[in-house]
Amino acid sequence: MEGPLPAPSEEGISIEAHKRLIAYSIGPQNIDLTFRNRVAHENGWGIGMAERAVQEYKRFAYLCAHSPIPCTPSMEVDQVWHMHMTYTHDYWGTFCPELLGYQLHHGPTEGGEEEDEKHVEQYDYTLHYYEQVFGRPPPSDLWPSSEKRFSSFPHLRWVNLSEYSITPKSKIYLAMMMTAAVFFMLGTQVPV
């Protein structure tokens, strides 16, 4: 490896550094369950979505290594980060020291209103810093607004799909309305 990636200039990350960052492969590549495939499988994402989330995670890690204040990831990027930390040899042995030149630790929230406000501010800063460093806004499907990003947090849960099925609420409401309509129509046709 060529040594850690250089910090961004006032114009942002250099083309060479960005290419090296994006080209970095996490974990073994000549196996069936590559890092990208595992990310896709464990999150219920398609391969394309997983690949994009992995690329955004690498950009996020670069931001963390060079930002003057802590950065906060989107939920999707955080999922990739959690997964990468389980690849300990790659994460601590190569990615952090050799590519980033920075020990990127993950600290969970301590909870409470003050922590919530801090993370919203850091997330908004991260979105701004991303645009400054990479010369474009982050993709909104992987980096939603802070309002959307933090509104979903209390509702997230791990679900064992072998025991439970997941149906969007919109489909449940539609089924309920259709059932009510059928019962209403049947009720109006019953003779008194």
N, C-alpha and C. Protein backbone atom coordinates (compact mmCIF):
# COMPACT_ATOMS: atom_id res chain seq x y z
N MET A 1 0.84 -1.18 0.00
CA MET A 1 0.00 0.00 0.00
C MET A 1 0.89 1.24 0.00
N GLU A 2 0.37 2.34 -0.47
CA GLU A 2 1.14 3.57 -0.66
C GLU A 2 1.18 4.48 0.56
N GLY A 3 0.63 4.09 1.66
CA GLY A 3 0.52 4.95 2.82
C GLY A 3 -0.86 5.54 2.91
N PRO A 4 -1.19 6.16 4.04
CA PRO A 4 -2.54 6.70 4.23
C PRO A 4 -2.91 7.76 3.18
N LEU A 5 -4.19 7.84 2.92
CA LEU A 5 -4.69 8.85 1.98
C LEU A 5 -4.44 10.24 2.54
N PRO A 6 -4.07 11.18 1.68
CA PRO A 6 -3.84 12.55 2.15
C PRO A 6 -5.15 13.25 2.49
N ALA A 7 -5.04 14.23 3.36
CA ALA A 7 -6.20 15.05 3.72
C ALA A 7 -6.69 15.82 2.49
N PRO A 8 -7.97 16.17 2.47
CA PRO A 8 -8.47 16.96 1.34
C PRO A 8 -7.90 18.37 1.38
N SER A 9 -7.74 18.96 0.20
CA SER A 9 -7.33 20.36 0.11
C SER A 9 -8.58 21.22 0.17
N GLU A 10 -8.43 22.50 -0.04
CA GLU A 10 -9.60 23.38 -0.07
C GLU A 10 -10.54 23.03 -1.22
N GLU A 11 -10.00 22.41 -2.26
CA GLU A 11 -10.82 21.98 -3.41
C GLU A 11 -11.46 20.61 -3.18
N GLY A 12 -11.10 19.94 -2.09
CA GLY A 12 -11.66 18.63 -1.79
C GLY A 12 -10.62 17.53 -1.94
N ILE A 13 -11.11 16.30 -2.00
CA ILE A 13 -10.23 15.14 -2.12
C ILE A 13 -9.64 15.11 -3.54
N SER A 14 -8.39 14.68 -3.63
CA SER A 14 -7.78 14.58 -4.96
C SER A 14 -8.38 13.40 -5.71
N ILE A 15 -8.33 13.45 -7.02
CA ILE A 15 -8.87 12.37 -7.85
C ILE A 15 -8.15 11.05 -7.54
N GLU A 16 -6.84 11.10 -7.38
CA GLU A 16 -6.06 9.89 -7.10
C GLU A 16 -6.46 9.28 -5.76
N ALA A 17 -6.60 10.14 -4.74
CA ALA A 17 -6.98 9.65 -3.42
C ALA A 17 -8.39 9.06 -3.44
N HIS A 18 -9.29 9.72 -4.15
CA HIS A 18 -10.67 9.23 -4.24
C HIS A 18 -10.72 7.87 -4.95
N LYS A 19 -9.94 7.73 -6.01
CA LYS A 19 -9.89 6.45 -6.72
C LYS A 19 -9.37 5.34 -5.81
N ARG A 20 -8.32 5.64 -5.05
CA ARG A 20 -7.77 4.64 -4.12
C ARG A 20 -8.77 4.27 -3.04
N LEU A 21 -9.47 5.26 -2.52
CA LEU A 21 -10.48 5.03 -1.49
C LEU A 21 -11.57 4.10 -2.00
N ILE A 22 -12.12 4.42 -3.15
CA ILE A 22 -13.22 3.63 -3.72
C ILE A 22 -12.75 2.25 -4.16
N ALA A 23 -11.50 2.13 -4.60
CA ALA A 23 -10.99 0.84 -5.07
C ALA A 23 -10.68 -0.11 -3.92
N TYR A 24 -10.60 0.39 -2.70
CA TYR A 24 -10.25 -0.47 -1.56
C TYR A 24 -11.30 -1.57 -1.40
N SER A 25 -10.86 -2.82 -1.31
CA SER A 25 -11.75 -3.97 -1.14
C SER A 25 -11.70 -4.45 0.29
N ILE A 26 -12.85 -4.59 0.88
CA ILE A 26 -12.95 -5.06 2.26
C ILE A 26 -13.07 -6.58 2.27
N GLY A 27 -12.20 -7.22 3.02
CA GLY A 27 -12.26 -8.65 3.19
C GLY A 27 -11.84 -9.43 1.96
N PRO A 28 -11.83 -10.78 2.09
CA PRO A 28 -11.44 -11.62 0.96
C PRO A 28 -12.38 -11.46 -0.23
N GLN A 29 -11.84 -11.53 -1.44
CA GLN A 29 -12.64 -11.32 -2.64
C GLN A 29 -12.96 -12.61 -3.40
N ASN A 30 -12.15 -13.64 -3.24
CA ASN A 30 -12.34 -14.87 -4.00
C ASN A 30 -13.16 -15.89 -3.22
N ILE A 31 -14.25 -15.43 -2.63
CA ILE A 31 -15.14 -16.30 -1.86
C ILE A 31 -16.57 -16.02 -2.29
N ASP A 32 -17.50 -16.91 -1.96
CA ASP A 32 -18.90 -16.71 -2.34
C ASP A 32 -19.54 -15.57 -1.56
N LEU A 33 -19.28 -15.52 -0.25
CA LEU A 33 -19.92 -14.50 0.58
C LEU A 33 -18.93 -13.37 0.85
N THR A 34 -18.74 -12.55 -0.19
CA THR A 34 -17.85 -11.38 -0.05
C THR A 34 -18.48 -10.39 0.91
N PHE A 35 -17.72 -9.40 1.30
CA PHE A 35 -18.23 -8.36 2.19
C PHE A 35 -19.49 -7.72 1.61
N ARG A 36 -19.43 -7.33 0.35
CA ARG A 36 -20.59 -6.70 -0.30
C ARG A 36 -21.80 -7.63 -0.27
N ASN A 37 -21.58 -8.90 -0.58
CA ASN A 37 -22.68 -9.86 -0.59
C ASN A 37 -23.26 -10.07 0.80
N ARG A 38 -22.40 -10.07 1.81
CA ARG A 38 -22.87 -10.20 3.19
C ARG A 38 -23.69 -8.98 3.60
N VAL A 39 -23.21 -7.80 3.24
CA VAL A 39 -23.96 -6.57 3.53
C VAL A 39 -25.34 -6.64 2.88
N ALA A 40 -25.40 -7.08 1.63
CA ALA A 40 -26.68 -7.20 0.92
C ALA A 40 -27.58 -8.20 1.63
N HIS A 41 -27.05 -9.35 1.94
CA HIS A 41 -27.84 -10.42 2.57
C HIS A 41 -28.39 -9.99 3.92
N GLU A 42 -27.54 -9.45 4.77
CA GLU A 42 -27.95 -9.14 6.15
C GLU A 42 -28.88 -7.94 6.24
N ASN A 43 -28.91 -7.11 5.21
CA ASN A 43 -29.79 -5.94 5.23
C ASN A 43 -30.99 -6.08 4.30
N GLY A 44 -31.06 -7.18 3.54
CA GLY A 44 -32.17 -7.35 2.61
C GLY A 44 -32.07 -6.40 1.42
N TRP A 45 -30.85 -6.04 1.04
CA TRP A 45 -30.61 -5.12 -0.07
C TRP A 45 -30.21 -5.90 -1.31
N GLY A 46 -30.44 -5.33 -2.47
CA GLY A 46 -29.89 -5.87 -3.70
C GLY A 46 -28.39 -5.61 -3.74
N ILE A 47 -27.70 -6.31 -4.64
CA ILE A 47 -26.24 -6.16 -4.75
C ILE A 47 -25.86 -4.73 -5.11
N GLY A 48 -26.62 -4.10 -6.01
CA GLY A 48 -26.33 -2.71 -6.40
C GLY A 48 -26.43 -1.76 -5.22
N MET A 49 -27.48 -1.90 -4.42
CA MET A 49 -27.67 -1.06 -3.23
C MET A 49 -26.52 -1.29 -2.25
N ALA A 50 -26.16 -2.55 -2.04
CA ALA A 50 -25.08 -2.87 -1.11
C ALA A 50 -23.76 -2.26 -1.58
N GLU A 51 -23.49 -2.36 -2.87
CA GLU A 51 -22.25 -1.79 -3.42
C GLU A 51 -22.20 -0.28 -3.21
N ARG A 52 -23.31 0.39 -3.47
CA ARG A 52 -23.36 1.84 -3.27
C ARG A 52 -23.19 2.20 -1.79
N ALA A 53 -23.82 1.43 -0.90
CA ALA A 53 -23.70 1.69 0.54
C ALA A 53 -22.26 1.49 1.02
N VAL A 54 -21.59 0.48 0.49
CA VAL A 54 -20.18 0.25 0.85
C VAL A 54 -19.33 1.42 0.38
N GLN A 55 -19.57 1.91 -0.84
CA GLN A 55 -18.79 3.06 -1.34
C GLN A 55 -19.04 4.30 -0.47
N GLU A 56 -20.29 4.51 -0.08
CA GLU A 56 -20.61 5.66 0.78
C GLU A 56 -19.98 5.51 2.15
N TYR A 57 -19.93 4.30 2.65
CA TYR A 57 -19.26 4.05 3.94
C TYR A 57 -17.78 4.44 3.85
N LYS A 58 -17.12 4.06 2.78
CA LYS A 58 -15.69 4.40 2.63
C LYS A 58 -15.52 5.92 2.57
N ARG A 59 -16.42 6.60 1.88
CA ARG A 59 -16.36 8.07 1.86
C ARG A 59 -16.56 8.64 3.27
N PHE A 60 -17.52 8.07 3.99
CA PHE A 60 -17.78 8.51 5.37
C PHE A 60 -16.54 8.32 6.23
N ALA A 61 -15.90 7.16 6.13
CA ALA A 61 -14.70 6.89 6.93
C ALA A 61 -13.60 7.91 6.62
N TYR A 62 -13.46 8.26 5.34
CA TYR A 62 -12.47 9.28 4.95
C TYR A 62 -12.82 10.62 5.60
N LEU A 63 -14.11 10.98 5.59
CA LEU A 63 -14.52 12.22 6.24
C LEU A 63 -14.16 12.21 7.71
N CYS A 64 -14.44 11.09 8.39
CA CYS A 64 -14.14 10.98 9.82
C CYS A 64 -12.66 11.18 10.09
N ALA A 65 -11.83 10.64 9.22
CA ALA A 65 -10.38 10.72 9.41
C ALA A 65 -9.85 12.14 9.26
N HIS A 66 -10.59 13.01 8.58
CA HIS A 66 -10.07 14.35 8.28
C HIS A 66 -10.93 15.49 8.81
N SER A 67 -12.05 15.20 9.40
CA SER A 67 -12.94 16.24 9.89
C SER A 67 -12.44 16.80 11.23
N PRO A 68 -12.58 18.11 11.42
CA PRO A 68 -12.18 18.69 12.71
C PRO A 68 -13.17 18.34 13.84
N ILE A 69 -14.38 17.92 13.49
CA ILE A 69 -15.36 17.49 14.50
C ILE A 69 -15.89 16.11 14.12
N PRO A 70 -16.44 15.36 15.08
CA PRO A 70 -16.95 14.02 14.75
C PRO A 70 -18.05 14.07 13.69
N CYS A 71 -18.06 13.06 12.84
CA CYS A 71 -19.10 12.91 11.82
C CYS A 71 -20.09 11.84 12.28
N THR A 72 -21.30 11.92 11.76
CA THR A 72 -22.35 10.95 12.09
C THR A 72 -22.85 10.35 10.79
N PRO A 73 -22.95 9.00 10.72
CA PRO A 73 -23.36 8.34 9.49
C PRO A 73 -24.87 8.27 9.33
N SER A 74 -25.30 8.00 8.10
CA SER A 74 -26.70 7.66 7.86
C SER A 74 -26.93 6.25 8.40
N MET A 75 -28.17 5.81 8.47
CA MET A 75 -28.46 4.46 8.98
C MET A 75 -27.83 3.40 8.08
N GLU A 76 -27.90 3.59 6.76
CA GLU A 76 -27.35 2.61 5.83
C GLU A 76 -25.83 2.53 5.96
N VAL A 77 -25.19 3.67 6.03
CA VAL A 77 -23.74 3.72 6.18
C VAL A 77 -23.34 3.10 7.52
N ASP A 78 -24.12 3.36 8.55
CA ASP A 78 -23.83 2.79 9.86
C ASP A 78 -23.93 1.26 9.83
N GLN A 79 -24.88 0.71 9.08
CA GLN A 79 -24.99 -0.75 8.95
C GLN A 79 -23.70 -1.33 8.33
N VAL A 80 -23.19 -0.67 7.30
CA VAL A 80 -21.96 -1.13 6.66
C VAL A 80 -20.79 -1.01 7.64
N TRP A 81 -20.74 0.08 8.38
CA TRP A 81 -19.66 0.30 9.35
C TRP A 81 -19.66 -0.81 10.40
N HIS A 82 -20.83 -1.12 10.94
CA HIS A 82 -20.93 -2.20 11.93
C HIS A 82 -20.41 -3.51 11.34
N MET A 83 -20.79 -3.80 10.11
CA MET A 83 -20.34 -5.03 9.47
C MET A 83 -18.82 -5.02 9.29
N HIS A 84 -18.27 -3.89 8.86
CA HIS A 84 -16.82 -3.83 8.63
C HIS A 84 -16.06 -4.07 9.93
N MET A 85 -16.55 -3.57 11.04
CA MET A 85 -15.85 -3.76 12.30
C MET A 85 -15.80 -5.23 12.71
N THR A 86 -16.67 -6.08 12.17
CA THR A 86 -16.58 -7.51 12.47
C THR A 86 -15.47 -8.18 11.67
N TYR A 87 -15.00 -7.53 10.64
CA TYR A 87 -13.84 -8.00 9.86
C TYR A 87 -12.61 -7.37 10.51
N THR A 88 -12.31 -7.78 11.72
CA THR A 88 -11.32 -7.09 12.56
C THR A 88 -9.94 -7.01 11.94
N HIS A 89 -9.48 -8.07 11.29
CA HIS A 89 -8.14 -8.02 10.69
C HIS A 89 -8.07 -6.96 9.61
N ASP A 90 -9.10 -6.88 8.79
CA ASP A 90 -9.13 -5.87 7.73
C ASP A 90 -9.29 -4.48 8.32
N TYR A 91 -10.25 -4.34 9.24
CA TYR A 91 -10.58 -3.02 9.80
C TYR A 91 -9.39 -2.42 10.55
N TRP A 92 -8.88 -3.16 11.56
CA TRP A 92 -7.81 -2.63 12.40
C TRP A 92 -6.42 -2.85 11.81
N GLY A 93 -6.26 -3.86 10.95
CA GLY A 93 -4.95 -4.17 10.42
C GLY A 93 -4.58 -3.45 9.14
N THR A 94 -5.59 -3.09 8.33
CA THR A 94 -5.29 -2.47 7.03
C THR A 94 -6.06 -1.17 6.82
N PHE A 95 -7.38 -1.24 6.88
CA PHE A 95 -8.22 -0.08 6.53
C PHE A 95 -7.88 1.15 7.35
N CYS A 96 -7.97 1.04 8.68
CA CYS A 96 -7.71 2.22 9.51
C CYS A 96 -6.25 2.68 9.45
N PRO A 97 -5.27 1.80 9.71
CA PRO A 97 -3.90 2.32 9.74
C PRO A 97 -3.29 2.62 8.38
N GLU A 98 -3.55 1.77 7.40
CA GLU A 98 -2.86 1.91 6.12
C GLU A 98 -3.59 2.78 5.10
N LEU A 99 -4.92 2.75 5.11
CA LEU A 99 -5.65 3.56 4.14
C LEU A 99 -6.04 4.92 4.73
N LEU A 100 -6.62 4.89 5.94
CA LEU A 100 -7.06 6.15 6.55
C LEU A 100 -5.95 6.86 7.32
N GLY A 101 -5.04 6.09 7.91
CA GLY A 101 -4.05 6.70 8.79
C GLY A 101 -4.70 7.24 10.04
N TYR A 102 -5.76 6.56 10.49
CA TYR A 102 -6.59 7.06 11.57
C TYR A 102 -7.32 5.89 12.22
N GLN A 103 -7.35 5.86 13.56
CA GLN A 103 -8.11 4.81 14.26
C GLN A 103 -9.55 5.27 14.40
N LEU A 104 -10.40 4.72 13.56
CA LEU A 104 -11.82 5.12 13.53
C LEU A 104 -12.62 4.24 14.49
N HIS A 105 -12.89 4.79 15.66
CA HIS A 105 -13.69 4.08 16.67
C HIS A 105 -15.16 4.44 16.50
N HIS A 106 -16.01 3.51 16.92
CA HIS A 106 -17.46 3.71 16.86
C HIS A 106 -17.99 3.79 18.27
N GLY A 107 -18.63 4.89 18.59
CA GLY A 107 -19.20 5.05 19.92
C GLY A 107 -20.71 5.20 19.85
N PRO A 108 -21.44 4.33 20.55
CA PRO A 108 -22.90 4.45 20.53
C PRO A 108 -23.36 5.69 21.31
N THR A 109 -24.55 6.12 21.01
CA THR A 109 -25.12 7.27 21.72
C THR A 109 -25.34 6.92 23.18
N GLU A 110 -25.24 7.93 24.03
CA GLU A 110 -25.50 7.75 25.45
C GLU A 110 -26.98 7.98 25.75
N GLY A 111 -27.74 8.41 24.74
CA GLY A 111 -29.17 8.64 24.91
C GLY A 111 -29.46 10.00 25.51
N GLY A 112 -30.69 10.41 25.42
CA GLY A 112 -31.12 11.68 25.98
C GLY A 112 -31.20 12.78 24.94
N GLU A 113 -31.88 13.85 25.31
CA GLU A 113 -32.14 14.96 24.40
C GLU A 113 -30.86 15.66 23.95
N GLU A 114 -29.92 15.85 24.88
CA GLU A 114 -28.67 16.53 24.53
C GLU A 114 -27.87 15.71 23.50
N GLU A 115 -27.82 14.38 23.69
CA GLU A 115 -27.13 13.51 22.74
C GLU A 115 -27.83 13.53 21.39
N ASP A 116 -29.17 13.51 21.41
CA ASP A 116 -29.94 13.56 20.16
C ASP A 116 -29.60 14.81 19.38
N GLU A 117 -29.60 15.96 20.06
CA GLU A 117 -29.29 17.23 19.41
C GLU A 117 -27.86 17.22 18.85
N LYS A 118 -26.93 16.67 19.62
CA LYS A 118 -25.54 16.60 19.18
C LYS A 118 -25.42 15.79 17.90
N HIS A 119 -26.10 14.65 17.84
CA HIS A 119 -25.99 13.80 16.66
C HIS A 119 -26.68 14.42 15.44
N VAL A 120 -27.76 15.14 15.65
CA VAL A 120 -28.42 15.83 14.53
C VAL A 120 -27.47 16.90 13.97
N GLU A 121 -26.85 17.67 14.87
CA GLU A 121 -25.90 18.70 14.42
C GLU A 121 -24.71 18.07 13.69
N GLN A 122 -24.18 16.97 14.23
CA GLN A 122 -23.05 16.31 13.58
C GLN A 122 -23.45 15.73 12.23
N TYR A 123 -24.67 15.21 12.14
CA TYR A 123 -25.13 14.63 10.88
C TYR A 123 -25.27 15.74 9.82
N ASP A 124 -25.88 16.86 10.21
CA ASP A 124 -26.01 17.98 9.27
C ASP A 124 -24.63 18.48 8.84
N TYR A 125 -23.70 18.55 9.78
CA TYR A 125 -22.33 18.92 9.44
C TYR A 125 -21.73 17.92 8.46
N THR A 126 -21.95 16.62 8.71
CA THR A 126 -21.41 15.56 7.85
C THR A 126 -21.90 15.73 6.42
N LEU A 127 -23.20 16.01 6.25
CA LEU A 127 -23.75 16.23 4.91
C LEU A 127 -23.06 17.41 4.22
N HIS A 128 -22.84 18.48 4.96
CA HIS A 128 -22.18 19.67 4.42
C HIS A 128 -20.71 19.36 4.10
N TYR A 129 -20.02 18.69 5.01
CA TYR A 129 -18.62 18.38 4.82
C TYR A 129 -18.43 17.42 3.64
N TYR A 130 -19.36 16.49 3.48
CA TYR A 130 -19.32 15.56 2.35
C TYR A 130 -19.30 16.34 1.04
N GLU A 131 -20.22 17.29 0.91
CA GLU A 131 -20.30 18.08 -0.32
C GLU A 131 -19.02 18.89 -0.54
N GLN A 132 -18.47 19.41 0.54
CA GLN A 132 -17.23 20.18 0.44
C GLN A 132 -16.07 19.30 -0.01
N VAL A 133 -15.96 18.10 0.53
CA VAL A 133 -14.83 17.22 0.23
C VAL A 133 -14.99 16.52 -1.12
N PHE A 134 -16.21 16.06 -1.44
CA PHE A 134 -16.41 15.27 -2.65
C PHE A 134 -16.99 16.06 -3.82
N GLY A 135 -17.28 17.34 -3.60
CA GLY A 135 -17.69 18.21 -4.69
C GLY A 135 -19.12 18.00 -5.19
N ARG A 136 -19.92 17.28 -4.43
CA ARG A 136 -21.32 17.07 -4.79
C ARG A 136 -22.08 16.67 -3.54
N PRO A 137 -23.37 16.88 -3.53
CA PRO A 137 -24.14 16.44 -2.35
C PRO A 137 -24.17 14.92 -2.26
N PRO A 138 -24.28 14.39 -1.06
CA PRO A 138 -24.38 12.95 -0.93
C PRO A 138 -25.70 12.45 -1.52
N PRO A 139 -25.75 11.21 -2.03
CA PRO A 139 -27.00 10.70 -2.59
C PRO A 139 -28.09 10.62 -1.51
N SER A 140 -29.23 11.22 -1.79
CA SER A 140 -30.27 11.36 -0.77
C SER A 140 -30.92 10.04 -0.36
N ASP A 141 -30.84 9.01 -1.21
CA ASP A 141 -31.42 7.73 -0.79
C ASP A 141 -30.56 7.03 0.25
N LEU A 142 -29.26 7.33 0.29
CA LEU A 142 -28.38 6.75 1.31
C LEU A 142 -28.01 7.76 2.39
N TRP A 143 -28.26 9.02 2.14
CA TRP A 143 -28.00 10.09 3.09
C TRP A 143 -29.24 10.99 3.16
N PRO A 144 -30.32 10.56 3.77
CA PRO A 144 -31.53 11.39 3.82
C PRO A 144 -31.32 12.61 4.72
N SER A 145 -32.27 13.50 4.71
CA SER A 145 -32.22 14.68 5.58
C SER A 145 -32.15 14.22 7.04
N SER A 146 -31.69 15.10 7.91
CA SER A 146 -31.59 14.72 9.33
C SER A 146 -32.96 14.40 9.92
N GLU A 147 -34.00 15.10 9.44
CA GLU A 147 -35.35 14.82 9.95
C GLU A 147 -35.75 13.37 9.66
N LYS A 148 -35.50 12.93 8.45
CA LYS A 148 -35.85 11.57 8.08
C LYS A 148 -34.91 10.56 8.73
N ARG A 149 -33.63 10.85 8.73
CA ARG A 149 -32.65 9.93 9.29
C ARG A 149 -32.94 9.62 10.76
N PHE A 150 -33.26 10.64 11.54
CA PHE A 150 -33.45 10.43 12.98
C PHE A 150 -34.89 10.08 13.36
N SER A 151 -35.83 10.21 12.45
CA SER A 151 -37.22 9.84 12.78
C SER A 151 -37.40 8.33 12.83
N SER A 152 -36.55 7.57 12.12
CA SER A 152 -36.73 6.12 12.07
C SER A 152 -36.03 5.40 13.21
N PHE A 153 -35.12 6.05 13.91
CA PHE A 153 -34.29 5.36 14.90
C PHE A 153 -35.08 4.58 15.95
N PRO A 154 -36.07 5.16 16.60
CA PRO A 154 -36.72 4.38 17.67
C PRO A 154 -37.54 3.20 17.15
N HIS A 155 -37.75 3.11 15.86
CA HIS A 155 -38.61 2.06 15.30
C HIS A 155 -37.83 0.88 14.71
N LEU A 156 -36.51 0.96 14.71
CA LEU A 156 -35.71 -0.09 14.09
C LEU A 156 -35.55 -1.28 15.02
N ARG A 157 -35.65 -2.49 14.46
CA ARG A 157 -35.47 -3.73 15.21
C ARG A 157 -34.87 -4.79 14.30
N TRP A 158 -34.10 -5.72 14.87
CA TRP A 158 -33.66 -6.89 14.13
C TRP A 158 -34.86 -7.83 14.07
N VAL A 159 -35.10 -8.42 12.91
CA VAL A 159 -36.24 -9.32 12.73
C VAL A 159 -35.75 -10.63 12.13
N ASN A 160 -36.14 -11.75 12.75
CA ASN A 160 -35.82 -13.06 12.22
C ASN A 160 -36.88 -13.41 11.19
N LEU A 161 -36.52 -13.37 9.91
CA LEU A 161 -37.50 -13.58 8.84
C LEU A 161 -37.96 -15.03 8.73
N SER A 162 -37.30 -15.95 9.42
CA SER A 162 -37.80 -17.33 9.42
C SER A 162 -38.98 -17.48 10.38
N GLU A 163 -39.16 -16.51 11.27
CA GLU A 163 -40.27 -16.56 12.23
C GLU A 163 -41.34 -15.51 11.96
N TYR A 164 -40.98 -14.42 11.29
CA TYR A 164 -41.91 -13.31 11.08
C TYR A 164 -41.90 -12.89 9.62
N SER A 165 -43.02 -12.36 9.19
CA SER A 165 -43.06 -11.75 7.86
C SER A 165 -43.21 -10.25 8.05
N ILE A 166 -42.75 -9.52 7.09
CA ILE A 166 -42.82 -8.06 7.18
C ILE A 166 -43.71 -7.56 6.06
N THR A 167 -44.73 -6.82 6.44
CA THR A 167 -45.65 -6.24 5.48
C THR A 167 -45.69 -4.74 5.71
N PRO A 168 -45.49 -3.95 4.68
CA PRO A 168 -45.56 -2.49 4.86
C PRO A 168 -46.93 -2.08 5.39
N LYS A 169 -46.94 -1.09 6.27
CA LYS A 169 -48.19 -0.61 6.85
C LYS A 169 -49.17 -0.16 5.76
N SER A 170 -48.67 0.40 4.67
CA SER A 170 -49.55 0.87 3.61
C SER A 170 -50.36 -0.29 3.03
N LYS A 171 -49.75 -1.46 2.91
CA LYS A 171 -50.47 -2.63 2.38
C LYS A 171 -51.47 -3.17 3.40
N ILE A 172 -51.12 -3.09 4.67
CA ILE A 172 -52.07 -3.51 5.71
C ILE A 172 -53.29 -2.60 5.71
N TYR A 173 -53.08 -1.28 5.63
CA TYR A 173 -54.20 -0.34 5.59
C TYR A 173 -55.07 -0.57 4.36
N LEU A 174 -54.44 -0.82 3.21
CA LEU A 174 -55.19 -1.08 1.99
C LEU A 174 -56.04 -2.33 2.14
N ALA A 175 -55.49 -3.39 2.71
CA ALA A 175 -56.25 -4.63 2.93
C ALA A 175 -57.41 -4.40 3.88
N MET A 176 -57.18 -3.60 4.90
CA MET A 176 -58.27 -3.30 5.86
C MET A 176 -59.38 -2.52 5.18
N MET A 177 -59.01 -1.55 4.35
CA MET A 177 -60.03 -0.75 3.67
C MET A 177 -60.81 -1.61 2.68
N MET A 178 -60.13 -2.50 1.97
CA MET A 178 -60.82 -3.37 1.01
C MET A 178 -61.76 -4.33 1.74
N THR A 179 -61.33 -4.85 2.88
CA THR A 179 -62.17 -5.75 3.67
C THR A 179 -63.40 -5.01 4.17
N ALA A 180 -63.22 -3.81 4.65
CA ALA A 180 -64.35 -3.00 5.13
C ALA A 180 -65.32 -2.71 3.99
N ALA A 181 -64.78 -2.40 2.81
CA ALA A 181 -65.64 -2.12 1.65
C ALA A 181 -66.45 -3.35 1.28
N VAL A 182 -65.83 -4.52 1.29
CA VAL A 182 -66.54 -5.76 0.96
C VAL A 182 -67.65 -6.01 1.97
N PHE A 183 -67.33 -5.88 3.25
CA PHE A 183 -68.37 -6.10 4.28
C PHE A 183 -69.49 -5.08 4.16
N PHE A 184 -69.15 -3.84 3.82
CA PHE A 184 -70.18 -2.82 3.64
C PHE A 184 -71.09 -3.19 2.47
N MET A 185 -70.49 -3.61 1.35
CA MET A 185 -71.29 -3.97 0.17
C MET A 185 -72.13 -5.21 0.46
N LEU A 186 -71.61 -6.16 1.16
CA LEU A 186 -72.39 -7.36 1.51
C LEU A 186 -73.51 -7.00 2.48
N GLY A 187 -73.23 -6.10 3.40
CA GLY A 187 -74.23 -5.69 4.38
C GLY A 187 -75.39 -4.95 3.75
N THR A 188 -75.15 -4.23 2.66
CA THR A 188 -76.25 -3.49 2.02
C THR A 188 -77.10 -4.40 1.16
N GLN A 189 -76.61 -5.61 0.86
CA GLN A 189 -77.37 -6.50 0.00
C GLN A 189 -78.14 -7.57 0.78
N VAL A 190 -77.97 -7.59 2.10
CA VAL A 190 -78.67 -8.58 2.91
C VAL A 190 -80.10 -8.08 3.14
N PRO A 191 -81.13 -8.93 2.79
CA PRO A 191 -82.51 -8.49 3.01
C PRO A 191 -82.82 -8.43 4.50
N VAL A 192 -83.68 -7.48 4.85
CA VAL A 192 -84.06 -7.30 6.24
C VAL A 192 -85.32 -8.04 6.57
